[in-house]
Amino acid sequence: MFKIVQLDVDHDKEEEELLRVIYSDGTGRLPKTSRRGMNYIMVMVEIDSKAILAEAMRNQLAAEHCRAYQLLLNRLHSYKIFPKKHILDNEILDNLKAVIKLNNLEYKLVPPHDHQRNIAEKGIQTYKSHLISILCRTDKDFPLYLWCNILPQVKHTLNLLQPSGKLPTVSAYAYLHGQHNYD
């Protein structure tokens, strides 16, 4: 049956062992513009929890990247996760570099044309596959322009299925939020 695991961890010891690294990247343009005018998704992968977070974006402009990035980082902070290093695609915008520095993170760029070094690429694949599988299971009359309304559900279910990095006996969801209540 199900095993309930307490997440009572010695925070000083945990602090020493944590990698505190995040990866992020954006998806390509989605086939249908959402009702709120969103066309892209920024995906962020946090290594210690192996959580995959996402935020919808209207366009590929610097301001929109910065907005999505800050929302995702604030979400991690609300889970008491404070990354120190951000690894991202080499096509980073100068404005995003400034936002990363404002948040006291160091950043590292993956080498050009080496997408395998960016863990966010795998996170994007996993996220998009999960989103597509959820959309395929919706009612045949479900309007596709509502895709951005189901992103919280996609994140929730995906992280329930994803084992965490530091505590593989619990899900990424449990690492972030505590045990999920199935009632």
N, C-alpha and C. Protein backbone atom coordinates (compact mmCIF):
# COMPACT_ATOMS: atom_id res chain seq x y z
N MET A 1 0.85 -1.19 0.00
CA MET A 1 0.00 0.00 0.00
C MET A 1 0.88 1.24 0.00
N PHE A 2 0.35 2.34 0.51
CA PHE A 2 1.07 3.61 0.51
C PHE A 2 1.89 3.75 1.78
N LYS A 3 3.04 4.33 1.64
CA LYS A 3 3.92 4.57 2.77
C LYS A 3 3.98 6.08 3.01
N ILE A 4 3.65 6.49 4.21
CA ILE A 4 3.71 7.91 4.55
C ILE A 4 5.08 8.19 5.15
N VAL A 5 5.77 9.13 4.57
CA VAL A 5 7.12 9.46 5.01
C VAL A 5 7.11 10.86 5.59
N GLN A 6 7.66 11.00 6.77
CA GLN A 6 7.78 12.31 7.38
C GLN A 6 8.97 13.04 6.78
N LEU A 7 8.82 14.29 6.54
CA LEU A 7 9.90 15.09 5.97
C LEU A 7 10.60 15.90 7.06
N ASP A 8 10.86 15.25 8.19
CA ASP A 8 11.53 15.89 9.30
C ASP A 8 13.03 15.75 9.07
N VAL A 9 13.66 16.79 8.57
CA VAL A 9 15.07 16.71 8.19
C VAL A 9 15.83 17.77 8.98
N ASP A 10 17.02 17.41 9.41
CA ASP A 10 17.89 18.37 10.09
C ASP A 10 18.32 19.41 9.06
N HIS A 11 17.83 20.63 9.18
CA HIS A 11 18.03 21.65 8.16
C HIS A 11 19.48 22.09 8.00
N ASP A 12 20.27 22.08 9.10
CA ASP A 12 21.68 22.45 8.96
C ASP A 12 22.43 21.43 8.14
N LYS A 13 22.20 20.16 8.42
CA LYS A 13 22.86 19.10 7.65
C LYS A 13 22.37 19.12 6.20
N GLU A 14 21.06 19.31 6.03
CA GLU A 14 20.48 19.35 4.69
C GLU A 14 21.07 20.52 3.90
N GLU A 15 21.27 21.65 4.55
CA GLU A 15 21.79 22.85 3.90
C GLU A 15 23.17 22.58 3.29
N GLU A 16 24.00 21.79 4.01
CA GLU A 16 25.32 21.48 3.51
C GLU A 16 25.28 20.57 2.28
N GLU A 17 24.30 19.66 2.24
CA GLU A 17 24.25 18.65 1.20
C GLU A 17 23.50 19.10 -0.05
N LEU A 18 22.76 20.16 0.03
CA LEU A 18 21.96 20.59 -1.10
C LEU A 18 22.82 21.20 -2.20
N LEU A 19 22.45 20.88 -3.43
CA LEU A 19 23.15 21.46 -4.57
C LEU A 19 22.69 22.89 -4.82
N ARG A 20 21.40 23.13 -4.59
CA ARG A 20 20.78 24.44 -4.78
C ARG A 20 21.02 24.99 -6.19
N VAL A 21 20.70 24.15 -7.17
CA VAL A 21 20.89 24.50 -8.57
C VAL A 21 19.55 24.41 -9.28
N ILE A 22 19.29 25.38 -10.16
CA ILE A 22 18.11 25.34 -11.01
C ILE A 22 18.54 25.41 -12.47
N TYR A 23 17.72 24.87 -13.32
CA TYR A 23 17.89 24.95 -14.77
C TYR A 23 16.59 25.52 -15.32
N SER A 24 16.68 26.29 -16.38
CA SER A 24 15.45 26.77 -17.02
C SER A 24 15.65 26.93 -18.51
N ASP A 25 14.53 26.88 -19.20
CA ASP A 25 14.51 27.11 -20.65
C ASP A 25 13.06 27.31 -21.05
N GLY A 26 12.87 27.78 -22.24
CA GLY A 26 11.52 28.01 -22.74
C GLY A 26 11.15 27.01 -23.81
N THR A 27 9.87 26.77 -23.93
CA THR A 27 9.37 25.91 -24.99
C THR A 27 9.30 26.71 -26.28
N GLY A 28 9.08 26.03 -27.35
CA GLY A 28 8.75 26.72 -28.60
C GLY A 28 7.32 27.22 -28.52
N ARG A 29 6.90 27.91 -29.55
CA ARG A 29 5.52 28.44 -29.59
C ARG A 29 4.52 27.29 -29.58
N LEU A 30 3.53 27.40 -28.71
CA LEU A 30 2.48 26.39 -28.67
C LEU A 30 1.53 26.58 -29.85
N PRO A 31 0.88 25.50 -30.30
CA PRO A 31 0.07 25.61 -31.52
C PRO A 31 -1.15 26.52 -31.41
N LYS A 32 -1.65 26.75 -30.21
CA LYS A 32 -2.85 27.57 -30.03
C LYS A 32 -2.58 28.64 -28.98
N THR A 33 -2.87 29.89 -29.30
CA THR A 33 -2.76 30.98 -28.33
C THR A 33 -3.84 30.79 -27.28
N SER A 34 -3.46 30.94 -26.01
CA SER A 34 -4.44 30.74 -24.94
C SER A 34 -5.39 31.93 -24.85
N ARG A 35 -6.43 31.74 -24.10
CA ARG A 35 -7.43 32.79 -23.91
C ARG A 35 -6.81 34.04 -23.29
N ARG A 36 -5.76 33.85 -22.50
CA ARG A 36 -5.08 34.97 -21.85
C ARG A 36 -3.93 35.52 -22.70
N GLY A 37 -3.83 35.05 -23.94
CA GLY A 37 -2.81 35.56 -24.85
C GLY A 37 -1.44 34.92 -24.70
N MET A 38 -1.37 33.78 -24.05
CA MET A 38 -0.09 33.09 -23.83
C MET A 38 0.24 32.20 -25.02
N ASN A 39 1.52 32.16 -25.37
CA ASN A 39 1.98 31.36 -26.51
C ASN A 39 3.15 30.43 -26.18
N TYR A 40 3.82 30.65 -25.06
CA TYR A 40 5.02 29.91 -24.70
C TYR A 40 4.94 29.50 -23.23
N ILE A 41 5.85 28.61 -22.83
CA ILE A 41 5.95 28.20 -21.44
C ILE A 41 7.42 28.22 -21.05
N MET A 42 7.72 28.85 -19.90
CA MET A 42 9.06 28.75 -19.33
C MET A 42 9.02 27.61 -18.33
N VAL A 43 9.97 26.69 -18.46
CA VAL A 43 10.06 25.53 -17.58
C VAL A 43 11.32 25.67 -16.73
N MET A 44 11.16 25.42 -15.43
CA MET A 44 12.28 25.48 -14.49
C MET A 44 12.36 24.15 -13.76
N VAL A 45 13.56 23.60 -13.66
CA VAL A 45 13.79 22.35 -12.95
C VAL A 45 14.70 22.65 -11.76
N GLU A 46 14.24 22.27 -10.58
CA GLU A 46 15.04 22.45 -9.37
C GLU A 46 15.65 21.09 -9.05
N ILE A 47 16.96 21.02 -8.93
CA ILE A 47 17.67 19.75 -8.86
C ILE A 47 17.44 18.98 -7.57
N ASP A 48 17.48 19.63 -6.42
CA ASP A 48 17.36 18.90 -5.16
C ASP A 48 16.01 18.21 -5.01
N SER A 49 14.95 18.88 -5.41
CA SER A 49 13.62 18.29 -5.33
C SER A 49 13.24 17.55 -6.61
N LYS A 50 13.93 17.84 -7.70
CA LYS A 50 13.60 17.38 -9.05
C LYS A 50 12.21 17.87 -9.47
N ALA A 51 11.76 18.95 -8.86
CA ALA A 51 10.46 19.53 -9.21
C ALA A 51 10.56 20.23 -10.55
N ILE A 52 9.51 20.12 -11.32
CA ILE A 52 9.41 20.81 -12.60
C ILE A 52 8.30 21.84 -12.46
N LEU A 53 8.66 23.11 -12.60
CA LEU A 53 7.71 24.21 -12.50
C LEU A 53 7.59 24.87 -13.86
N ALA A 54 6.47 25.50 -14.11
CA ALA A 54 6.27 26.15 -15.40
C ALA A 54 5.42 27.40 -15.25
N GLU A 55 5.66 28.33 -16.15
CA GLU A 55 4.90 29.58 -16.19
C GLU A 55 4.64 29.93 -17.65
N ALA A 56 3.40 30.27 -17.94
CA ALA A 56 3.03 30.66 -19.32
C ALA A 56 3.59 32.05 -19.63
N MET A 57 3.97 32.24 -20.89
CA MET A 57 4.49 33.53 -21.34
C MET A 57 3.76 33.96 -22.61
N ARG A 58 3.57 35.26 -22.76
CA ARG A 58 2.90 35.80 -23.95
C ARG A 58 3.80 35.73 -25.18
N ASN A 59 5.07 36.09 -24.99
CA ASN A 59 5.98 36.21 -26.14
C ASN A 59 7.40 35.91 -25.69
N GLN A 60 8.34 36.11 -26.57
CA GLN A 60 9.74 35.83 -26.28
C GLN A 60 10.53 37.10 -25.94
N LEU A 61 9.85 38.17 -25.63
CA LEU A 61 10.53 39.42 -25.29
C LEU A 61 11.17 39.33 -23.91
N ALA A 62 12.19 40.14 -23.71
CA ALA A 62 12.97 40.11 -22.47
C ALA A 62 12.10 40.35 -21.24
N ALA A 63 11.20 41.30 -21.30
CA ALA A 63 10.36 41.61 -20.14
C ALA A 63 9.50 40.42 -19.74
N GLU A 64 9.00 39.70 -20.71
CA GLU A 64 8.15 38.54 -20.43
C GLU A 64 8.99 37.39 -19.85
N HIS A 65 10.19 37.20 -20.34
CA HIS A 65 11.09 36.20 -19.77
C HIS A 65 11.41 36.53 -18.31
N CYS A 66 11.69 37.78 -18.05
CA CYS A 66 12.02 38.22 -16.69
C CYS A 66 10.83 38.04 -15.75
N ARG A 67 9.63 38.36 -16.23
CA ARG A 67 8.41 38.19 -15.42
C ARG A 67 8.20 36.72 -15.06
N ALA A 68 8.29 35.85 -16.05
CA ALA A 68 8.07 34.42 -15.81
C ALA A 68 9.15 33.86 -14.89
N TYR A 69 10.39 34.26 -15.12
CA TYR A 69 11.50 33.80 -14.29
C TYR A 69 11.29 34.20 -12.84
N GLN A 70 10.95 35.46 -12.60
CA GLN A 70 10.78 35.94 -11.23
C GLN A 70 9.60 35.24 -10.54
N LEU A 71 8.52 34.99 -11.28
CA LEU A 71 7.40 34.25 -10.69
C LEU A 71 7.81 32.84 -10.28
N LEU A 72 8.56 32.16 -11.14
CA LEU A 72 9.01 30.81 -10.82
C LEU A 72 9.97 30.81 -9.63
N LEU A 73 10.87 31.77 -9.60
CA LEU A 73 11.82 31.86 -8.49
C LEU A 73 11.09 32.18 -7.18
N ASN A 74 10.11 33.08 -7.24
CA ASN A 74 9.31 33.39 -6.05
C ASN A 74 8.55 32.16 -5.57
N ARG A 75 8.08 31.36 -6.50
CA ARG A 75 7.38 30.12 -6.14
C ARG A 75 8.34 29.19 -5.39
N LEU A 76 9.57 29.06 -5.88
CA LEU A 76 10.56 28.24 -5.17
C LEU A 76 10.83 28.79 -3.78
N HIS A 77 10.94 30.11 -3.66
CA HIS A 77 11.17 30.73 -2.35
C HIS A 77 10.01 30.45 -1.41
N SER A 78 8.79 30.43 -1.92
CA SER A 78 7.63 30.14 -1.06
C SER A 78 7.68 28.70 -0.54
N TYR A 79 8.40 27.81 -1.23
CA TYR A 79 8.59 26.43 -0.78
C TYR A 79 9.83 26.32 0.11
N LYS A 80 10.45 27.45 0.46
CA LYS A 80 11.67 27.50 1.27
C LYS A 80 12.86 26.89 0.53
N ILE A 81 12.89 27.04 -0.77
CA ILE A 81 14.01 26.60 -1.59
C ILE A 81 14.67 27.85 -2.14
N PHE A 82 15.95 28.02 -1.83
CA PHE A 82 16.69 29.21 -2.23
C PHE A 82 17.90 28.79 -3.05
N PRO A 83 17.73 28.72 -4.36
CA PRO A 83 18.85 28.29 -5.21
C PRO A 83 19.99 29.30 -5.18
N LYS A 84 21.19 28.79 -5.47
CA LYS A 84 22.38 29.63 -5.52
C LYS A 84 22.95 29.72 -6.93
N LYS A 85 22.63 28.74 -7.76
CA LYS A 85 23.20 28.68 -9.09
C LYS A 85 22.12 28.37 -10.11
N HIS A 86 22.19 29.04 -11.25
CA HIS A 86 21.23 28.86 -12.33
C HIS A 86 22.01 28.50 -13.59
N ILE A 87 21.66 27.37 -14.18
CA ILE A 87 22.30 26.95 -15.42
C ILE A 87 21.25 27.04 -16.52
N LEU A 88 21.61 27.73 -17.60
CA LEU A 88 20.64 27.96 -18.65
C LEU A 88 21.27 28.00 -20.03
N ASP A 89 20.40 28.07 -20.99
CA ASP A 89 20.79 28.09 -22.40
C ASP A 89 21.73 29.25 -22.68
N ASN A 90 22.60 29.09 -23.65
CA ASN A 90 23.58 30.14 -23.96
C ASN A 90 22.96 31.34 -24.67
N GLU A 91 21.68 31.26 -25.01
CA GLU A 91 21.00 32.37 -25.68
C GLU A 91 20.27 33.25 -24.68
N ILE A 92 20.89 33.50 -23.56
CA ILE A 92 20.28 34.27 -22.47
C ILE A 92 20.21 35.76 -22.84
N LEU A 93 19.14 36.37 -22.43
CA LEU A 93 18.95 37.80 -22.65
C LEU A 93 19.66 38.59 -21.55
N ASP A 94 20.18 39.76 -21.90
CA ASP A 94 20.89 40.59 -20.92
C ASP A 94 19.99 40.98 -19.75
N ASN A 95 18.72 41.24 -20.03
CA ASN A 95 17.79 41.61 -18.95
C ASN A 95 17.63 40.46 -17.96
N LEU A 96 17.60 39.24 -18.47
CA LEU A 96 17.45 38.08 -17.59
C LEU A 96 18.71 37.89 -16.75
N LYS A 97 19.88 38.16 -17.33
CA LYS A 97 21.12 38.10 -16.55
C LYS A 97 21.04 39.06 -15.36
N ALA A 98 20.50 40.25 -15.61
CA ALA A 98 20.38 41.25 -14.55
C ALA A 98 19.42 40.77 -13.46
N VAL A 99 18.31 40.15 -13.84
CA VAL A 99 17.35 39.65 -12.85
C VAL A 99 17.97 38.52 -12.04
N ILE A 100 18.74 37.67 -12.69
CA ILE A 100 19.41 36.58 -11.97
C ILE A 100 20.38 37.15 -10.94
N LYS A 101 21.15 38.15 -11.35
CA LYS A 101 22.10 38.79 -10.42
C LYS A 101 21.38 39.51 -9.29
N LEU A 102 20.24 40.15 -9.59
CA LEU A 102 19.45 40.82 -8.56
C LEU A 102 18.98 39.85 -7.49
N ASN A 103 18.76 38.60 -7.89
CA ASN A 103 18.32 37.57 -6.95
C ASN A 103 19.49 36.85 -6.29
N ASN A 104 20.70 37.43 -6.42
CA ASN A 104 21.91 36.88 -5.80
C ASN A 104 22.22 35.45 -6.22
N LEU A 105 21.99 35.14 -7.48
CA LEU A 105 22.33 33.84 -8.02
C LEU A 105 23.48 34.01 -8.98
N GLU A 106 24.33 33.01 -9.04
CA GLU A 106 25.33 33.00 -10.10
C GLU A 106 24.72 32.20 -11.25
N TYR A 107 25.16 32.48 -12.45
CA TYR A 107 24.62 31.72 -13.57
C TYR A 107 25.75 31.15 -14.41
N LYS A 108 25.42 30.08 -15.07
CA LYS A 108 26.37 29.41 -15.95
C LYS A 108 25.62 29.07 -17.22
N LEU A 109 26.26 29.26 -18.35
CA LEU A 109 25.64 28.96 -19.64
C LEU A 109 26.15 27.63 -20.17
N VAL A 110 25.25 26.84 -20.73
CA VAL A 110 25.69 25.60 -21.36
C VAL A 110 26.38 25.96 -22.68
N PRO A 111 27.33 25.16 -23.13
CA PRO A 111 28.01 25.46 -24.39
C PRO A 111 27.02 25.49 -25.56
N PRO A 112 27.29 26.30 -26.59
CA PRO A 112 26.40 26.36 -27.74
C PRO A 112 26.20 24.98 -28.38
N HIS A 113 25.01 24.73 -28.82
CA HIS A 113 24.62 23.50 -29.54
C HIS A 113 24.81 22.24 -28.70
N ASP A 114 24.81 22.37 -27.38
CA ASP A 114 24.94 21.22 -26.49
C ASP A 114 23.74 21.17 -25.56
N HIS A 115 22.58 20.89 -26.13
CA HIS A 115 21.34 20.90 -25.35
C HIS A 115 21.29 19.78 -24.31
N GLN A 116 22.12 18.76 -24.48
CA GLN A 116 22.10 17.65 -23.52
C GLN A 116 22.63 18.09 -22.16
N ARG A 117 23.41 19.14 -22.09
CA ARG A 117 23.96 19.62 -20.82
C ARG A 117 22.93 20.43 -20.04
N ASN A 118 21.87 20.87 -20.70
CA ASN A 118 20.84 21.65 -20.02
C ASN A 118 19.72 20.71 -19.58
N ILE A 119 19.68 20.41 -18.28
CA ILE A 119 18.69 19.49 -17.74
C ILE A 119 17.28 20.00 -17.99
N ALA A 120 17.13 21.31 -18.17
CA ALA A 120 15.80 21.87 -18.44
C ALA A 120 15.23 21.32 -19.74
N GLU A 121 16.08 20.95 -20.69
CA GLU A 121 15.59 20.38 -21.95
C GLU A 121 14.81 19.10 -21.68
N LYS A 122 15.33 18.24 -20.80
CA LYS A 122 14.63 17.01 -20.44
C LYS A 122 13.37 17.36 -19.65
N GLY A 123 13.46 18.38 -18.78
CA GLY A 123 12.29 18.83 -18.04
C GLY A 123 11.20 19.33 -18.96
N ILE A 124 11.60 20.06 -20.03
CA ILE A 124 10.63 20.53 -21.02
C ILE A 124 9.97 19.36 -21.72
N GLN A 125 10.77 18.38 -22.12
CA GLN A 125 10.21 17.19 -22.78
C GLN A 125 9.20 16.50 -21.87
N THR A 126 9.59 16.31 -20.62
CA THR A 126 8.71 15.64 -19.66
C THR A 126 7.45 16.46 -19.45
N TYR A 127 7.61 17.77 -19.28
CA TYR A 127 6.46 18.64 -19.03
C TYR A 127 5.50 18.65 -20.23
N LYS A 128 6.06 18.83 -21.43
CA LYS A 128 5.22 18.87 -22.62
C LYS A 128 4.51 17.54 -22.85
N SER A 129 5.20 16.43 -22.62
CA SER A 129 4.56 15.12 -22.77
C SER A 129 3.40 14.97 -21.79
N HIS A 130 3.61 15.43 -20.57
CA HIS A 130 2.56 15.34 -19.55
C HIS A 130 1.38 16.25 -19.92
N LEU A 131 1.68 17.47 -20.37
CA LEU A 131 0.62 18.40 -20.80
C LEU A 131 -0.18 17.80 -21.96
N ILE A 132 0.51 17.25 -22.94
CA ILE A 132 -0.17 16.65 -24.10
C ILE A 132 -1.03 15.47 -23.66
N SER A 133 -0.50 14.64 -22.75
CA SER A 133 -1.29 13.49 -22.31
C SER A 133 -2.55 13.93 -21.56
N ILE A 134 -2.46 15.00 -20.80
CA ILE A 134 -3.65 15.52 -20.11
C ILE A 134 -4.63 16.10 -21.12
N LEU A 135 -4.13 16.86 -22.08
CA LEU A 135 -5.02 17.43 -23.11
C LEU A 135 -5.70 16.33 -23.94
N CYS A 136 -4.99 15.25 -24.20
CA CYS A 136 -5.56 14.14 -24.97
C CYS A 136 -6.68 13.43 -24.21
N ARG A 137 -6.65 13.55 -22.89
CA ARG A 137 -7.66 12.89 -22.08
C ARG A 137 -8.84 13.80 -21.73
N THR A 138 -8.80 15.02 -22.20
CA THR A 138 -9.93 15.92 -21.94
C THR A 138 -11.09 15.56 -22.86
N ASP A 139 -12.22 16.12 -22.57
CA ASP A 139 -13.39 15.92 -23.42
C ASP A 139 -13.09 16.39 -24.83
N LYS A 140 -13.70 15.75 -25.80
CA LYS A 140 -13.43 16.11 -27.21
C LYS A 140 -13.85 17.55 -27.52
N ASP A 141 -14.73 18.11 -26.72
CA ASP A 141 -15.17 19.49 -26.94
C ASP A 141 -14.38 20.51 -26.11
N PHE A 142 -13.34 20.05 -25.41
CA PHE A 142 -12.53 20.97 -24.60
C PHE A 142 -11.83 21.96 -25.53
N PRO A 143 -12.04 23.26 -25.32
CA PRO A 143 -11.40 24.25 -26.19
C PRO A 143 -9.90 24.37 -25.89
N LEU A 144 -9.07 24.16 -26.89
CA LEU A 144 -7.62 24.17 -26.70
C LEU A 144 -7.08 25.52 -26.24
N TYR A 145 -7.82 26.60 -26.47
CA TYR A 145 -7.32 27.90 -26.03
C TYR A 145 -7.35 28.05 -24.52
N LEU A 146 -7.84 27.05 -23.80
CA LEU A 146 -7.84 27.07 -22.34
C LEU A 146 -6.63 26.32 -21.75
N TRP A 147 -5.64 25.99 -22.60
CA TRP A 147 -4.50 25.19 -22.13
C TRP A 147 -3.78 25.83 -20.95
N CYS A 148 -3.69 27.15 -20.91
CA CYS A 148 -2.93 27.76 -19.80
C CYS A 148 -3.70 27.68 -18.47
N ASN A 149 -5.01 27.43 -18.52
CA ASN A 149 -5.79 27.28 -17.29
C ASN A 149 -5.49 25.96 -16.57
N ILE A 150 -4.97 24.97 -17.30
CA ILE A 150 -4.72 23.68 -16.67
C ILE A 150 -3.25 23.50 -16.26
N LEU A 151 -2.42 24.52 -16.46
CA LEU A 151 -1.00 24.40 -16.09
C LEU A 151 -0.79 24.08 -14.61
N PRO A 152 -1.55 24.67 -13.67
CA PRO A 152 -1.36 24.28 -12.26
C PRO A 152 -1.64 22.79 -12.03
N GLN A 153 -2.65 22.25 -12.69
CA GLN A 153 -2.96 20.82 -12.56
C GLN A 153 -1.86 19.96 -13.17
N VAL A 154 -1.29 20.42 -14.28
CA VAL A 154 -0.19 19.70 -14.93
C VAL A 154 1.01 19.64 -13.98
N LYS A 155 1.37 20.78 -13.38
CA LYS A 155 2.49 20.83 -12.44
C LYS A 155 2.23 19.92 -11.24
N HIS A 156 1.01 19.98 -10.72
CA HIS A 156 0.63 19.20 -9.54
C HIS A 156 0.78 17.71 -9.82
N THR A 157 0.15 17.22 -10.88
CA THR A 157 0.17 15.79 -11.17
C THR A 157 1.56 15.32 -11.59
N LEU A 158 2.27 16.13 -12.34
CA LEU A 158 3.62 15.74 -12.77
C LEU A 158 4.55 15.59 -11.58
N ASN A 159 4.51 16.52 -10.64
CA ASN A 159 5.39 16.45 -9.49
C ASN A 159 4.97 15.37 -8.49
N LEU A 160 3.70 14.94 -8.54
CA LEU A 160 3.29 13.78 -7.74
C LEU A 160 3.94 12.51 -8.27
N LEU A 161 4.16 12.46 -9.58
CA LEU A 161 4.74 11.27 -10.21
C LEU A 161 6.27 11.27 -10.19
N GLN A 162 6.87 12.42 -9.99
CA GLN A 162 8.32 12.59 -10.08
C GLN A 162 8.96 12.34 -8.71
N PRO A 163 9.89 11.36 -8.59
CA PRO A 163 10.58 11.20 -7.30
C PRO A 163 11.55 12.36 -7.06
N SER A 164 11.69 12.78 -5.82
CA SER A 164 12.60 13.89 -5.54
C SER A 164 14.05 13.43 -5.64
N GLY A 165 14.94 14.38 -5.81
CA GLY A 165 16.35 14.06 -5.96
C GLY A 165 17.02 13.69 -4.64
N LYS A 166 16.78 14.46 -3.61
CA LYS A 166 17.44 14.24 -2.32
C LYS A 166 16.76 13.18 -1.47
N LEU A 167 15.45 13.05 -1.61
CA LEU A 167 14.70 12.04 -0.86
C LEU A 167 13.90 11.19 -1.86
N PRO A 168 14.53 10.23 -2.50
CA PRO A 168 13.86 9.48 -3.57
C PRO A 168 12.65 8.66 -3.13
N THR A 169 12.45 8.52 -1.82
CA THR A 169 11.27 7.79 -1.35
C THR A 169 10.02 8.65 -1.34
N VAL A 170 10.17 9.94 -1.59
CA VAL A 170 9.01 10.83 -1.66
C VAL A 170 8.97 11.50 -3.03
N SER A 171 7.82 11.99 -3.38
CA SER A 171 7.67 12.67 -4.67
C SER A 171 8.23 14.09 -4.60
N ALA A 172 8.45 14.68 -5.75
CA ALA A 172 8.86 16.08 -5.81
C ALA A 172 7.78 16.95 -5.17
N TYR A 173 6.51 16.57 -5.36
CA TYR A 173 5.41 17.31 -4.75
C TYR A 173 5.54 17.29 -3.23
N ALA A 174 5.79 16.10 -2.65
CA ALA A 174 5.91 15.98 -1.19
C ALA A 174 7.12 16.76 -0.69
N TYR A 175 8.18 16.79 -1.46
CA TYR A 175 9.37 17.55 -1.08
C TYR A 175 9.04 19.04 -0.97
N LEU A 176 8.20 19.53 -1.89
CA LEU A 176 7.83 20.95 -1.89
C LEU A 176 6.73 21.29 -0.89
N HIS A 177 5.69 20.47 -0.87
CA HIS A 177 4.46 20.82 -0.14
C HIS A 177 4.18 19.97 1.10
N GLY A 178 4.86 18.86 1.26
CA GLY A 178 4.49 17.88 2.28
C GLY A 178 3.59 16.84 1.64
N GLN A 179 3.21 15.86 2.44
CA GLN A 179 2.43 14.75 1.91
C GLN A 179 1.12 15.22 1.26
N HIS A 180 0.82 14.68 0.09
CA HIS A 180 -0.40 15.04 -0.62
C HIS A 180 -1.59 14.38 0.05
N ASN A 181 -2.68 15.13 0.22
CA ASN A 181 -3.91 14.60 0.79
C ASN A 181 -4.79 14.13 -0.36
N TYR A 182 -4.97 12.84 -0.48
CA TYR A 182 -5.75 12.28 -1.57
C TYR A 182 -7.25 12.33 -1.33
N ASP A 183 -7.67 12.83 -0.17
CA ASP A 183 -9.12 12.89 0.12
C ASP A 183 -9.75 14.05 -0.58
